[in-house]
Amino acid sequence: MAYLVTGATGFIGRFLVPELLKREGDIHVLVRPGIDSADRYTCCAQEWMGEDRVRPVRGDLGAPRLGIDPGWLAEHRGSIDHIFHLASSYDLTERGGGTRNVIDVAEGLKAGLLHHISTVDVAGGFEGLFTEDMFDVGQVLTSPMQRAEFEAERIVRESGIGWRIYRPSIVIGHSRTGEIDRIDGPYYFFRLLRMAAQLPRILPVLVPKLGETNMVPVDFVARALDHLAHRPDSNTCTYHLVDPRRQSAAEALNLFADEAGAPHLVEVMPKRALEMLLRIPGTNWLLPRVGVPQDVLEHSEFSCWFGCRNATTALAGTDIKVPPLAAYAPLIWKYWIENWVD
């Protein structure tokens, strides 16, 4: 067994590699040229303690055939069983360009399976139940990220190689430690909650209707990826790595409000009212001032909910399950307070 992993030093990748190390085989990790990428790989390698089983491969998602040395490609042709493609940042600027280069390498290596980590954001503005078997159903894609992720997934689906696609929802910190490596998604609201903690708790914080959200801890995603990748399932299968319990964004944020000692959020107006308010000259400073970039609102809530029958069936009989957010929200908040607050 041998693996090639892009984005191994990213948030999900850092936890996936230790899962792969529990199995046999070498893990080849794509590392971009440059001191910053090399240093990040060195730190992760020390954390993984994989000794000589984790091997850096110099390359770049933006280069043809990932910029990997042709000699390396020739040497490993036919020996790579799994390619995990977790690095999606290049797709945002080149509309799937990084994914195309990964597929070219997979074809040249005659790799066994390509595991493409997508996102539930490909559902865009779809309303209702969005299942694992749905892809292009006429949904409106409102942001560059949604369009880029949709295009990358389309490229994978239309390729001639064996693939499995995984769509995590909003990935937050580790369920046992709270660990994160960057501020993203719902974390932008934490500063607002901390400021609201200065208000009397009997006074609610009035917010627009935020819709539904869906959050999963990074350790669930990593363990699910490892398990699902090695199952003898179909080689054209999609899995939603989501919390099967439906929850509104306000309900989720109120769990963190409890940890902050802040009043609860109460939804009192349509979200469109906030959008209209922010168009008034002089008011667009509001969200950034409290630490919430305006585009974060688009990626912290959904107009649909997500079916996960494929993932649930494939994970049945294991202990790989999404814990209730209430069970680990205190750890998420504690890690943020102790490590990310100045």
C-alpha atoms as a PDB file:
ATOM      1  CA  MET A   1       0.000   0.000   0.000  1.00  0.00           C
ATOM      2  CA  ALA A   2       1.308   3.461  -0.914  1.00  0.00           C
ATOM      3  CA  TYR A   3      -0.257   6.908  -0.830  1.00  0.00           C
ATOM      4  CA  LEU A   4       0.243  10.322  -2.413  1.00  0.00           C
ATOM      5  CA  VAL A   5      -1.336  13.200  -0.477  1.00  0.00           C
ATOM      6  CA  THR A   6      -1.813  16.839  -1.453  1.00  0.00           C
ATOM      7  CA  GLY A   7      -2.588  19.298   1.329  1.00  0.00           C
ATOM      8  CA  ALA A   8      -1.165  16.947   3.963  1.00  0.00           C
ATOM      9  CA  THR A   9       0.010  19.840   6.128  1.00  0.00           C
ATOM     10  CA  GLY A  10      -3.405  21.526   6.029  1.00  0.00           C
ATOM     11  CA  PHE A  11      -5.968  21.261   8.807  1.00  0.00           C
ATOM     12  CA  ILE A  12      -7.607  17.985   7.742  1.00  0.00           C
ATOM     13  CA  GLY A  13      -4.384  16.535   6.340  1.00  0.00           C
ATOM     14  CA  ARG A  14      -2.534  16.934   9.635  1.00  0.00           C
ATOM     15  CA  PHE A  15      -5.016  14.525  11.232  1.00  0.00           C
ATOM     16  CA  LEU A  16      -5.462  12.224   8.235  1.00  0.00           C
ATOM     17  CA  VAL A  17      -1.788  11.261   7.916  1.00  0.00           C
ATOM     18  CA  PRO A  18      -1.662   9.739  11.447  1.00  0.00           C
ATOM     19  CA  GLU A  19      -4.684   7.612  10.519  1.00  0.00           C
ATOM     20  CA  LEU A  20      -2.924   6.381   7.371  1.00  0.00           C
ATOM     21  CA  LEU A  21       0.178   5.614   9.407  1.00  0.00           C
ATOM     22  CA  LYS A  22      -1.843   3.044  11.344  1.00  0.00           C
ATOM     23  CA  ARG A  23      -1.883   1.052   8.110  1.00  0.00           C
ATOM     24  CA  GLU A  24       1.043  -0.338   6.145  1.00  0.00           C
ATOM     25  CA  GLY A  25       2.800   1.477   3.329  1.00  0.00           C
ATOM     26  CA  ASP A  26       4.636   4.683   2.505  1.00  0.00           C
ATOM     27  CA  ILE A  27       2.944   8.084   2.459  1.00  0.00           C
ATOM     28  CA  HIS A  28       4.274  10.517  -0.133  1.00  0.00           C
ATOM     29  CA  VAL A  29       3.419  14.118   0.704  1.00  0.00           C
ATOM     30  CA  LEU A  30       3.404  16.891  -1.892  1.00  0.00           C
ATOM     31  CA  VAL A  31       5.431  19.847  -0.567  1.00  0.00           C
ATOM     32  CA  ARG A  32       5.600  23.157  -2.399  1.00  0.00           C
ATOM     33  CA  PRO A  33       8.967  24.831  -2.990  1.00  0.00           C
ATOM     34  CA  GLY A  34       9.803  27.553  -0.489  1.00  0.00           C
ATOM     35  CA  ILE A  35      10.969  27.883   3.091  1.00  0.00           C
ATOM     36  CA  ASP A  36       7.489  28.341   4.583  1.00  0.00           C
ATOM     37  CA  SER A  37       6.127  25.123   3.063  1.00  0.00           C
ATOM     38  CA  ALA A  38       9.276  23.184   3.947  1.00  0.00           C
ATOM     39  CA  ASP A  39       9.156  24.421   7.552  1.00  0.00           C
ATOM     40  CA  ARG A  40       5.483  23.528   7.857  1.00  0.00           C
ATOM     41  CA  TYR A  41       6.178  20.037   6.526  1.00  0.00           C
ATOM     42  CA  THR A  42       9.086  19.599   8.971  1.00  0.00           C
ATOM     43  CA  CYS A  43       6.876  20.549  11.924  1.00  0.00           C
ATOM     44  CA  CYS A  44       4.116  18.199  10.803  1.00  0.00           C
ATOM     45  CA  ALA A  45       6.550  15.334  10.161  1.00  0.00           C
ATOM     46  CA  GLN A  46       7.854  15.639  13.716  1.00  0.00           C
ATOM     47  CA  GLU A  47       4.290  15.573  14.992  1.00  0.00           C
ATOM     48  CA  TRP A  48       3.377  12.530  12.880  1.00  0.00           C
ATOM     49  CA  MET A  49       6.454  10.527  13.975  1.00  0.00           C
ATOM     50  CA  GLY A  50       6.218   8.431  10.824  1.00  0.00           C
ATOM     51  CA  GLU A  51      10.003   8.137  10.511  1.00  0.00           C
ATOM     52  CA  ASP A  52      10.930   7.192   6.937  1.00  0.00           C
ATOM     53  CA  ARG A  53       7.396   6.144   5.982  1.00  0.00           C
ATOM     54  CA  VAL A  54       6.354   9.757   5.356  1.00  0.00           C
ATOM     55  CA  ARG A  55       8.311  11.090   2.407  1.00  0.00           C
ATOM     56  CA  PRO A  56       8.206  14.623   0.958  1.00  0.00           C
ATOM     57  CA  VAL A  57       7.754  15.012  -2.789  1.00  0.00           C
ATOM     58  CA  ARG A  58       8.661  18.404  -4.197  1.00  0.00           C
ATOM     59  CA  GLY A  59       5.824  19.750  -6.323  1.00  0.00           C
ATOM     60  CA  ASP A  60       3.284  22.489  -6.949  1.00  0.00           C
ATOM     61  CA  LEU A  61      -0.459  22.195  -7.593  1.00  0.00           C
ATOM     62  CA  GLY A  62      -0.248  24.942 -10.188  1.00  0.00           C
ATOM     63  CA  ALA A  63       2.341  23.202 -12.349  1.00  0.00           C
ATOM     64  CA  PRO A  64       1.698  20.607 -15.081  1.00  0.00           C
ATOM     65  CA  ARG A  65       1.847  17.118 -13.560  1.00  0.00           C
ATOM     66  CA  LEU A  66       2.180  18.960 -10.244  1.00  0.00           C
ATOM     67  CA  GLY A  67       5.774  19.860 -11.070  1.00  0.00           C
ATOM     68  CA  ILE A  68       6.893  16.460  -9.765  1.00  0.00           C
ATOM     69  CA  ASP A  69      10.220  15.191 -11.038  1.00  0.00           C
ATOM     70  CA  PRO A  70       9.575  12.926 -14.074  1.00  0.00           C
ATOM     71  CA  GLY A  71      11.999  10.389 -12.633  1.00  0.00           C
ATOM     72  CA  TRP A  72       9.906  10.079  -9.476  1.00  0.00           C
ATOM     73  CA  LEU A  73       6.753   9.626 -11.538  1.00  0.00           C
ATOM     74  CA  ALA A  74       8.377   6.921 -13.636  1.00  0.00           C
ATOM     75  CA  GLU A  75       9.742   5.135 -10.573  1.00  0.00           C
ATOM     76  CA  HIS A  76       6.327   5.053  -8.834  1.00  0.00           C
ATOM     77  CA  ARG A  77       4.181   4.271 -11.854  1.00  0.00           C
ATOM     78  CA  GLY A  78       1.782   1.489 -10.878  1.00  0.00           C
ATOM     79  CA  SER A  79       2.722   1.556  -7.178  1.00  0.00           C
ATOM     80  CA  ILE A  80       0.440   4.288  -5.760  1.00  0.00           C
ATOM     81  CA  ASP A  81      -2.789   2.771  -4.476  1.00  0.00           C
ATOM     82  CA  HIS A  82      -4.488   5.931  -3.193  1.00  0.00           C
ATOM     83  CA  ILE A  83      -4.190   9.635  -3.980  1.00  0.00           C
ATOM     84  CA  PHE A  84      -5.808  11.961  -1.433  1.00  0.00           C
ATOM     85  CA  HIS A  85      -6.431  15.424  -2.863  1.00  0.00           C
ATOM     86  CA  LEU A  86      -7.044  17.793   0.049  1.00  0.00           C
ATOM     87  CA  ALA A  87      -5.387  20.955  -1.292  1.00  0.00           C
ATOM     88  CA  SER A  88      -8.027  23.092  -2.961  1.00  0.00           C
ATOM     89  CA  SER A  89      -6.683  26.645  -2.642  1.00  0.00           C
ATOM     90  CA  TYR A  90      -5.242  26.685  -6.168  1.00  0.00           C
ATOM     91  CA  ASP A  91      -8.649  25.746  -7.589  1.00  0.00           C
ATOM     92  CA  LEU A  92     -10.010  29.060  -6.310  1.00  0.00           C
ATOM     93  CA  THR A  93      -7.774  31.062  -8.648  1.00  0.00           C
ATOM     94  CA  GLU A  94      -7.653  28.686 -11.603  1.00  0.00           C
ATOM     95  CA  ARG A  95     -11.176  27.161 -11.506  1.00  0.00           C
ATOM     96  CA  GLY A  96     -10.163  23.555 -10.999  1.00  0.00           C
ATOM     97  CA  GLY A  97      -6.644  23.859 -12.386  1.00  0.00           C
ATOM     98  CA  GLY A  98      -5.027  22.140  -9.425  1.00  0.00           C
ATOM     99  CA  THR A  99      -7.487  19.253  -9.625  1.00  0.00           C
ATOM    100  CA  ARG A 100      -6.793  18.822 -13.355  1.00  0.00           C
ATOM    101  CA  ASN A 101      -3.085  18.526 -12.581  1.00  0.00           C
ATOM    102  CA  VAL A 102      -3.780  15.954  -9.863  1.00  0.00           C
ATOM    103  CA  ILE A 103      -5.839  13.877 -12.306  1.00  0.00           C
ATOM    104  CA  ASP A 104      -3.046  14.031 -14.881  1.00  0.00           C
ATOM    105  CA  VAL A 105      -0.644  12.660 -12.290  1.00  0.00           C
ATOM    106  CA  ALA A 106      -3.122   9.983 -11.201  1.00  0.00           C
ATOM    107  CA  GLU A 107      -3.497   8.846 -14.808  1.00  0.00           C
ATOM    108  CA  GLY A 108       0.261   8.869 -15.396  1.00  0.00           C
ATOM    109  CA  LEU A 109       0.903   6.892 -12.219  1.00  0.00           C
ATOM    110  CA  LYS A 110      -1.936   4.454 -12.967  1.00  0.00           C
ATOM    111  CA  ALA A 111      -3.025   5.086  -9.396  1.00  0.00           C
ATOM    112  CA  GLY A 112      -5.689   2.912  -7.839  1.00  0.00           C
ATOM    113  CA  LEU A 113      -8.153   5.507  -6.537  1.00  0.00           C
ATOM    114  CA  LEU A 114      -8.421   9.283  -6.342  1.00  0.00           C
ATOM    115  CA  HIS A 115      -9.994  10.539  -3.123  1.00  0.00           C
ATOM    116  CA  HIS A 116     -11.209  14.080  -3.746  1.00  0.00           C
ATOM    117  CA  ILE A 117     -12.108  16.168  -0.713  1.00  0.00           C
ATOM    118  CA  SER A 118     -14.831  18.542  -1.846  1.00  0.00           C
ATOM    119  CA  THR A 119     -17.384  20.373   0.339  1.00  0.00           C
ATOM    120  CA  VAL A 120     -21.133  20.548   0.865  1.00  0.00           C
ATOM    121  CA  ASP A 121     -20.855  24.110  -0.484  1.00  0.00           C
ATOM    122  CA  VAL A 122     -21.298  22.610  -3.966  1.00  0.00           C
ATOM    123  CA  ALA A 123     -25.006  22.606  -3.064  1.00  0.00           C
ATOM    124  CA  GLY A 124     -24.940  26.394  -3.432  1.00  0.00           C
ATOM    125  CA  GLY A 125     -28.358  27.948  -2.928  1.00  0.00           C
ATOM    126  CA  PHE A 126     -30.286  24.668  -3.301  1.00  0.00           C
ATOM    127  CA  GLU A 127     -33.347  24.473  -1.035  1.00  0.00           C
ATOM    128  CA  GLY A 128     -34.542  21.251   0.569  1.00  0.00           C
ATOM    129  CA  LEU A 129     -32.758  17.918   0.982  1.00  0.00           C
ATOM    130  CA  PHE A 130     -29.434  17.681  -0.892  1.00  0.00           C
ATOM    131  CA  THR A 131     -28.324  14.060  -1.099  1.00  0.00           C
ATOM    132  CA  GLU A 132     -24.958  12.442  -1.776  1.00  0.00           C
ATOM    133  CA  ASP A 133     -26.137  11.359  -5.224  1.00  0.00           C
ATOM    134  CA  MET A 134     -26.977  14.930  -6.271  1.00  0.00           C
ATOM    135  CA  PHE A 135     -24.507  17.189  -8.029  1.00  0.00           C
ATOM    136  CA  ASP A 136     -25.596  19.441 -10.887  1.00  0.00           C
ATOM    137  CA  VAL A 137     -29.263  20.087 -10.192  1.00  0.00           C
ATOM    138  CA  GLY A 138     -29.434  23.693 -11.335  1.00  0.00           C
ATOM    139  CA  GLN A 139     -28.413  25.151  -7.975  1.00  0.00           C
ATOM    140  CA  VAL A 140     -27.276  28.784  -7.904  1.00  0.00           C
ATOM    141  CA  LEU A 141     -23.595  29.138  -6.957  1.00  0.00           C
ATOM    142  CA  THR A 142     -23.273  32.560  -5.404  1.00  0.00           C
ATOM    143  CA  SER A 143     -19.606  32.767  -4.387  1.00  0.00           C
ATOM    144  CA  PRO A 144     -16.244  32.158  -6.083  1.00  0.00           C
ATOM    145  CA  MET A 145     -15.523  29.369  -3.595  1.00  0.00           C
ATOM    146  CA  GLN A 146     -18.737  27.531  -4.436  1.00  0.00           C
ATOM    147  CA  ARG A 147     -18.074  27.838  -8.162  1.00  0.00           C
ATOM    148  CA  ALA A 148     -14.475  26.652  -7.795  1.00  0.00           C
ATOM    149  CA  GLU A 149     -15.394  23.633  -5.652  1.00  0.00           C
ATOM    150  CA  PHE A 150     -18.224  22.731  -8.039  1.00  0.00           C
ATOM    151  CA  GLU A 151     -15.885  22.924 -11.037  1.00  0.00           C
ATOM    152  CA  ALA A 152     -13.225  20.803  -9.313  1.00  0.00           C
ATOM    153  CA  GLU A 153     -15.794  18.134  -8.492  1.00  0.00           C
ATOM    154  CA  ARG A 154     -17.095  18.201 -12.072  1.00  0.00           C
ATOM    155  CA  ILE A 155     -13.569  17.632 -13.375  1.00  0.00           C
ATOM    156  CA  VAL A 156     -13.168  14.594 -11.110  1.00  0.00           C
ATOM    157  CA  ARG A 157     -16.539  13.147 -12.120  1.00  0.00           C
ATOM    158  CA  GLU A 158     -15.775  13.486 -15.823  1.00  0.00           C
ATOM    159  CA  SER A 159     -12.321  11.923 -15.563  1.00  0.00           C
ATOM    160  CA  GLY A 160     -11.699   8.347 -16.566  1.00  0.00           C
ATOM    161  CA  ILE A 161     -10.138   7.275 -13.274  1.00  0.00           C
ATOM    162  CA  GLY A 162     -11.667   5.643 -10.222  1.00  0.00           C
ATOM    163  CA  TRP A 163     -12.775   8.245  -7.675  1.00  0.00           C
ATOM    164  CA  ARG A 164     -14.499   8.783  -4.395  1.00  0.00           C
ATOM    165  CA  ILE A 165     -15.712  12.239  -3.421  1.00  0.00           C
ATOM    166  CA  TYR A 166     -16.089  13.410   0.176  1.00  0.00           C
ATOM    167  CA  ARG A 167     -18.095  16.497   1.088  1.00  0.00           C
ATOM    168  CA  PRO A 168     -17.455  17.672   4.653  1.00  0.00           C
ATOM    169  CA  SER A 169     -19.639  20.382   6.106  1.00  0.00           C
ATOM    170  CA  ILE A 170     -18.033  23.158   8.200  1.00  0.00           C
ATOM    171  CA  VAL A 171     -14.944  21.591   9.781  1.00  0.00           C
ATOM    172  CA  ILE A 172     -14.166  22.908  13.259  1.00  0.00           C
ATOM    173  CA  GLY A 173     -11.732  21.926  16.004  1.00  0.00           C
ATOM    174  CA  HIS A 174     -10.833  18.523  17.415  1.00  0.00           C
ATOM    175  CA  SER A 175     -13.633  17.060  19.545  1.00  0.00           C
ATOM    176  CA  ARG A 176     -11.253  16.018  22.343  1.00  0.00           C
ATOM    177  CA  THR A 177      -8.794  18.917  22.377  1.00  0.00           C
ATOM    178  CA  GLY A 178     -10.521  21.758  20.522  1.00  0.00           C
ATOM    179  CA  GLU A 179      -7.392  22.203  18.395  1.00  0.00           C
ATOM    180  CA  ILE A 180      -7.511  24.377  15.261  1.00  0.00           C
ATOM    181  CA  ASP A 181      -4.773  25.853  13.102  1.00  0.00           C
ATOM    182  CA  ARG A 182      -6.587  28.906  11.734  1.00  0.00           C
ATOM    183  CA  ILE A 183      -9.617  31.132  12.313  1.00  0.00           C
ATOM    184  CA  ASP A 184     -12.391  30.324   9.862  1.00  0.00           C
ATOM    185  CA  GLY A 185     -16.155  29.987   9.579  1.00  0.00           C
ATOM    186  CA  PRO A 186     -18.035  30.160  12.899  1.00  0.00           C
ATOM    187  CA  TYR A 187     -14.886  31.225  14.765  1.00  0.00           C
ATOM    188  CA  TYR A 188     -15.330  34.715  13.332  1.00  0.00           C
ATOM    189  CA  PHE A 189     -18.444  35.038  15.485  1.00  0.00           C
ATOM    190  CA  PHE A 190     -16.580  34.216  18.698  1.00  0.00           C
ATOM    191  CA  ARG A 191     -15.243  37.744  19.105  1.00  0.00           C
ATOM    192  CA  LEU A 192     -18.799  39.065  18.777  1.00  0.00           C
ATOM    193  CA  LEU A 193     -19.969  36.647  21.478  1.00  0.00           C
ATOM    194  CA  ARG A 194     -17.096  37.701  23.733  1.00  0.00           C
ATOM    195  CA  MET A 195     -18.098  41.346  23.300  1.00  0.00           C
ATOM    196  CA  ALA A 196     -21.752  40.447  23.964  1.00  0.00           C
ATOM    197  CA  ALA A 197     -20.692  38.890  27.271  1.00  0.00           C
ATOM    198  CA  GLN A 198     -20.397  42.461  28.583  1.00  0.00           C
ATOM    199  CA  LEU A 199     -24.184  42.835  28.219  1.00  0.00           C
ATOM    200  CA  PRO A 200     -26.721  41.705  30.851  1.00  0.00           C
ATOM    201  CA  ARG A 201     -27.651  38.111  30.056  1.00  0.00           C
ATOM    202  CA  ILE A 202     -31.349  38.936  30.322  1.00  0.00           C
ATOM    203  CA  LEU A 203     -31.000  41.076  27.174  1.00  0.00           C
ATOM    204  CA  PRO A 204     -31.024  38.960  24.007  1.00  0.00           C
ATOM    205  CA  VAL A 205     -28.813  39.779  21.014  1.00  0.00           C
ATOM    206  CA  LEU A 206     -31.156  40.409  18.091  1.00  0.00           C
ATOM    207  CA  VAL A 207     -29.941  38.972  14.776  1.00  0.00           C
ATOM    208  CA  PRO A 208     -31.427  38.215  11.358  1.00  0.00           C
ATOM    209  CA  LYS A 209     -32.659  34.723  10.569  1.00  0.00           C
ATOM    210  CA  LEU A 210     -29.469  32.811   9.897  1.00  0.00           C
ATOM    211  CA  GLY A 211     -30.816  29.550   8.487  1.00  0.00           C
ATOM    212  CA  GLU A 212     -29.332  26.125   9.164  1.00  0.00           C
ATOM    213  CA  THR A 213     -25.731  25.231   9.775  1.00  0.00           C
ATOM    214  CA  ASN A 214     -23.786  21.989  10.005  1.00  0.00           C
ATOM    215  CA  MET A 215     -20.478  21.522  11.811  1.00  0.00           C
ATOM    216  CA  VAL A 216     -18.225  18.486  12.251  1.00  0.00           C
ATOM    217  CA  PRO A 217     -14.979  18.090  14.226  1.00  0.00           C
ATOM    218  CA  VAL A 218     -11.768  17.561  12.286  1.00  0.00           C
ATOM    219  CA  ASP A 219     -11.004  14.226  13.964  1.00  0.00           C
ATOM    220  CA  PHE A 220     -14.309  12.776  12.732  1.00  0.00           C
ATOM    221  CA  VAL A 221     -13.503  13.885   9.185  1.00  0.00           C
ATOM    222  CA  ALA A 222      -9.991  12.392   9.267  1.00  0.00           C
ATOM    223  CA  ARG A 223     -11.116   9.044  10.684  1.00  0.00           C
ATOM    224  CA  ALA A 224     -14.058   8.833   8.290  1.00  0.00           C
ATOM    225  CA  LEU A 225     -11.828   9.577   5.292  1.00  0.00           C
ATOM    226  CA  ASP A 226      -9.412   6.826   6.266  1.00  0.00           C
ATOM    227  CA  HIS A 227     -12.155   4.255   6.827  1.00  0.00           C
ATOM    228  CA  LEU A 228     -14.215   5.076   3.729  1.00  0.00           C
ATOM    229  CA  ALA A 229     -11.171   5.188   1.448  1.00  0.00           C
ATOM    230  CA  HIS A 230     -10.238   1.607   2.277  1.00  0.00           C
ATOM    231  CA  ARG A 231     -13.688   0.049   1.955  1.00  0.00           C
ATOM    232  CA  PRO A 232     -14.415  -2.149  -1.096  1.00  0.00           C
ATOM    233  CA  ASP A 233     -17.156   0.227  -2.253  1.00  0.00           C
ATOM    234  CA  SER A 234     -17.995   1.634  -5.653  1.00  0.00           C
ATOM    235  CA  ASN A 235     -15.242   3.633  -7.340  1.00  0.00           C
ATOM    236  CA  THR A 236     -17.690   6.398  -8.241  1.00  0.00           C
ATOM    237  CA  CYS A 237     -19.224   7.126  -4.849  1.00  0.00           C
ATOM    238  CA  THR A 238     -19.887  10.334  -2.915  1.00  0.00           C
ATOM    239  CA  TYR A 239     -20.034  10.678   0.867  1.00  0.00           C
ATOM    240  CA  HIS A 240     -21.390  13.558   2.935  1.00  0.00           C
ATOM    241  CA  LEU A 241     -19.300  13.954   6.082  1.00  0.00           C
ATOM    242  CA  VAL A 242     -21.889  15.899   8.020  1.00  0.00           C
ATOM    243  CA  ASP A 243     -23.736  15.941  11.314  1.00  0.00           C
ATOM    244  CA  PRO A 244     -27.005  14.053  10.653  1.00  0.00           C
ATOM    245  CA  ARG A 245     -28.724  16.209  13.294  1.00  0.00           C
ATOM    246  CA  ARG A 246     -30.250  19.368  11.849  1.00  0.00           C
ATOM    247  CA  GLN A 247     -29.492  22.578  13.730  1.00  0.00           C
ATOM    248  CA  SER A 248     -30.018  26.263  13.115  1.00  0.00           C
ATOM    249  CA  ALA A 249     -27.022  28.580  13.047  1.00  0.00           C
ATOM    250  CA  ALA A 250     -28.475  30.504  15.997  1.00  0.00           C
ATOM    251  CA  GLU A 251     -28.813  27.305  18.065  1.00  0.00           C
ATOM    252  CA  ALA A 252     -25.208  26.366  17.336  1.00  0.00           C
ATOM    253  CA  LEU A 253     -23.846  29.814  18.154  1.00  0.00           C
ATOM    254  CA  ASN A 254     -25.867  29.888  21.387  1.00  0.00           C
ATOM    255  CA  LEU A 255     -23.892  26.883  22.602  1.00  0.00           C
ATOM    256  CA  PHE A 256     -20.794  29.060  22.336  1.00  0.00           C
ATOM    257  CA  ALA A 257     -22.664  32.028  23.816  1.00  0.00           C
ATOM    258  CA  ASP A 258     -23.186  29.897  26.928  1.00  0.00           C
ATOM    259  CA  GLU A 259     -19.427  29.312  27.127  1.00  0.00           C
ATOM    260  CA  ALA A 260     -18.775  33.035  26.653  1.00  0.00           C
ATOM    261  CA  GLY A 261     -21.305  33.976  29.311  1.00  0.00           C
ATOM    262  CA  ALA A 262     -23.126  36.010  26.684  1.00  0.00           C
ATOM    263  CA  PRO A 263     -26.855  36.495  26.061  1.00  0.00           C
ATOM    264  CA  HIS A 264     -28.465  34.201  23.522  1.00  0.00           C
ATOM    265  CA  LEU A 265     -28.973  35.216  19.922  1.00  0.00           C
ATOM    266  CA  VAL A 266     -32.616  35.681  19.003  1.00  0.00           C
ATOM    267  CA  GLU A 267     -33.626  35.736  15.344  1.00  0.00           C
ATOM    268  CA  VAL A 268     -36.087  38.551  14.721  1.00  0.00           C
ATOM    269  CA  MET A 269     -35.792  39.670  11.096  1.00  0.00           C
ATOM    270  CA  PRO A 270     -35.254  38.218   7.640  1.00  0.00           C
ATOM    271  CA  LYS A 271     -31.631  37.995   6.596  1.00  0.00           C
ATOM    272  CA  ARG A 272     -32.507  40.205   3.637  1.00  0.00           C
ATOM    273  CA  ALA A 273     -33.122  43.041   6.114  1.00  0.00           C
ATOM    274  CA  LEU A 274     -29.474  42.823   7.240  1.00  0.00           C
ATOM    275  CA  GLU A 275     -28.301  42.756   3.628  1.00  0.00           C
ATOM    276  CA  MET A 276     -30.314  45.910   2.934  1.00  0.00           C
ATOM    277  CA  LEU A 277     -28.962  47.562   6.077  1.00  0.00           C
ATOM    278  CA  LEU A 278     -25.380  46.881   5.055  1.00  0.00           C
ATOM    279  CA  ARG A 279     -25.985  48.652   1.738  1.00  0.00           C
ATOM    280  CA  ILE A 280     -26.632  51.921   3.559  1.00  0.00           C
ATOM    281  CA  PRO A 281     -23.537  54.181   3.335  1.00  0.00           C
ATOM    282  CA  GLY A 282     -21.525  54.086   6.524  1.00  0.00           C
ATOM    283  CA  THR A 283     -22.903  50.781   7.843  1.00  0.00           C
ATOM    284  CA  ASN A 284     -20.670  48.332   5.996  1.00  0.00           C
ATOM    285  CA  TRP A 285     -18.039  48.742   8.731  1.00  0.00           C
ATOM    286  CA  LEU A 286     -20.275  46.888  11.197  1.00  0.00           C
ATOM    287  CA  LEU A 287     -19.372  43.228  10.627  1.00  0.00           C
ATOM    288  CA  PRO A 288     -15.598  43.700  10.146  1.00  0.00           C
ATOM    289  CA  ARG A 289     -15.488  45.857  13.297  1.00  0.00           C
ATOM    290  CA  VAL A 290     -16.650  42.903  15.394  1.00  0.00           C
ATOM    291  CA  GLY A 291     -14.426  40.460  13.514  1.00  0.00           C
ATOM    292  CA  VAL A 292     -16.963  38.987  11.064  1.00  0.00           C
ATOM    293  CA  PRO A 293     -16.073  39.377   7.362  1.00  0.00           C
ATOM    294  CA  GLN A 294     -19.298  39.818   5.403  1.00  0.00           C
ATOM    295  CA  ASP A 295     -18.647  36.818   3.126  1.00  0.00           C
ATOM    296  CA  VAL A 296     -18.413  34.552   6.191  1.00  0.00           C
ATOM    297  CA  LEU A 297     -22.194  34.755   6.493  1.00  0.00           C
ATOM    298  CA  GLU A 298     -22.494  32.972   3.148  1.00  0.00           C
ATOM    299  CA  HIS A 299     -20.425  29.999   4.340  1.00  0.00           C
ATOM    300  CA  SER A 300     -21.709  29.607   7.906  1.00  0.00           C
ATOM    301  CA  GLU A 301     -25.293  28.759   7.011  1.00  0.00           C
ATOM    302  CA  PHE A 302     -27.093  26.718   4.370  1.00  0.00           C
ATOM    303  CA  SER A 303     -30.416  26.991   2.572  1.00  0.00           C
ATOM    304  CA  CYS A 304     -30.651  23.192   2.473  1.00  0.00           C
ATOM    305  CA  TRP A 305     -29.871  20.186   4.626  1.00  0.00           C
ATOM    306  CA  PHE A 306     -27.737  17.211   3.715  1.00  0.00           C
ATOM    307  CA  GLY A 307     -28.516  13.526   3.435  1.00  0.00           C
ATOM    308  CA  CYS A 308     -25.724  11.158   4.436  1.00  0.00           C
ATOM    309  CA  ARG A 309     -27.070   7.659   3.728  1.00  0.00           C
ATOM    310  CA  ASN A 310     -23.906   6.481   1.927  1.00  0.00           C
ATOM    311  CA  ALA A 311     -21.608   7.620   4.729  1.00  0.00           C
ATOM    312  CA  THR A 312     -23.896   6.364   7.507  1.00  0.00           C
ATOM    313  CA  THR A 313     -24.177   2.924   5.909  1.00  0.00           C
ATOM    314  CA  ALA A 314     -20.427   2.652   5.290  1.00  0.00           C
ATOM    315  CA  LEU A 315     -19.551   3.765   8.835  1.00  0.00           C
ATOM    316  CA  ALA A 316     -22.092   1.470  10.491  1.00  0.00           C
ATOM    317  CA  GLY A 317     -20.497  -0.890  12.990  1.00  0.00           C
ATOM    318  CA  THR A 318     -17.631   1.501  13.751  1.00  0.00           C
ATOM    319  CA  ASP A 319     -17.219   4.099  16.479  1.00  0.00           C
ATOM    320  CA  ILE A 320     -16.732   6.828  13.861  1.00  0.00           C
ATOM    321  CA  LYS A 321     -19.664   9.126  14.559  1.00  0.00           C
ATOM    322  CA  VAL A 322     -20.241  12.860  14.836  1.00  0.00           C
ATOM    323  CA  PRO A 323     -20.617  13.780  18.514  1.00  0.00           C
ATOM    324  CA  PRO A 324     -23.338  16.299  19.366  1.00  0.00           C
ATOM    325  CA  LEU A 325     -21.942  19.825  19.121  1.00  0.00           C
ATOM    326  CA  ALA A 326     -23.056  20.481  22.702  1.00  0.00           C
ATOM    327  CA  ALA A 327     -20.705  17.729  23.902  1.00  0.00           C
ATOM    328  CA  TYR A 328     -17.532  19.394  22.635  1.00  0.00           C
ATOM    329  CA  ALA A 329     -18.450  23.080  22.247  1.00  0.00           C
ATOM    330  CA  PRO A 330     -16.792  23.854  25.622  1.00  0.00           C
ATOM    331  CA  LEU A 331     -13.480  22.431  24.318  1.00  0.00           C
ATOM    332  CA  ILE A 332     -13.775  24.420  21.086  1.00  0.00           C
ATOM    333  CA  TRP A 333     -14.333  27.636  23.022  1.00  0.00           C
ATOM    334  CA  LYS A 334     -11.585  26.880  25.574  1.00  0.00           C
ATOM    335  CA  TYR A 335      -8.952  26.238  22.890  1.00  0.00           C
ATOM    336  CA  TRP A 336      -9.891  29.451  21.084  1.00  0.00           C
ATOM    337  CA  ILE A 337      -9.729  31.524  24.259  1.00  0.00           C
ATOM    338  CA  GLU A 338      -6.395  30.061  25.344  1.00  0.00           C
ATOM    339  CA  ASN A 339      -4.620  30.073  21.977  1.00  0.00           C
ATOM    340  CA  TRP A 340      -6.178  32.666  19.664  1.00  0.00           C
ATOM    341  CA  VAL A 341      -7.254  35.596  21.841  1.00  0.00           C
ATOM    342  CA  ASP A 342      -4.721  38.387  22.225  1.00  0.00           C
END
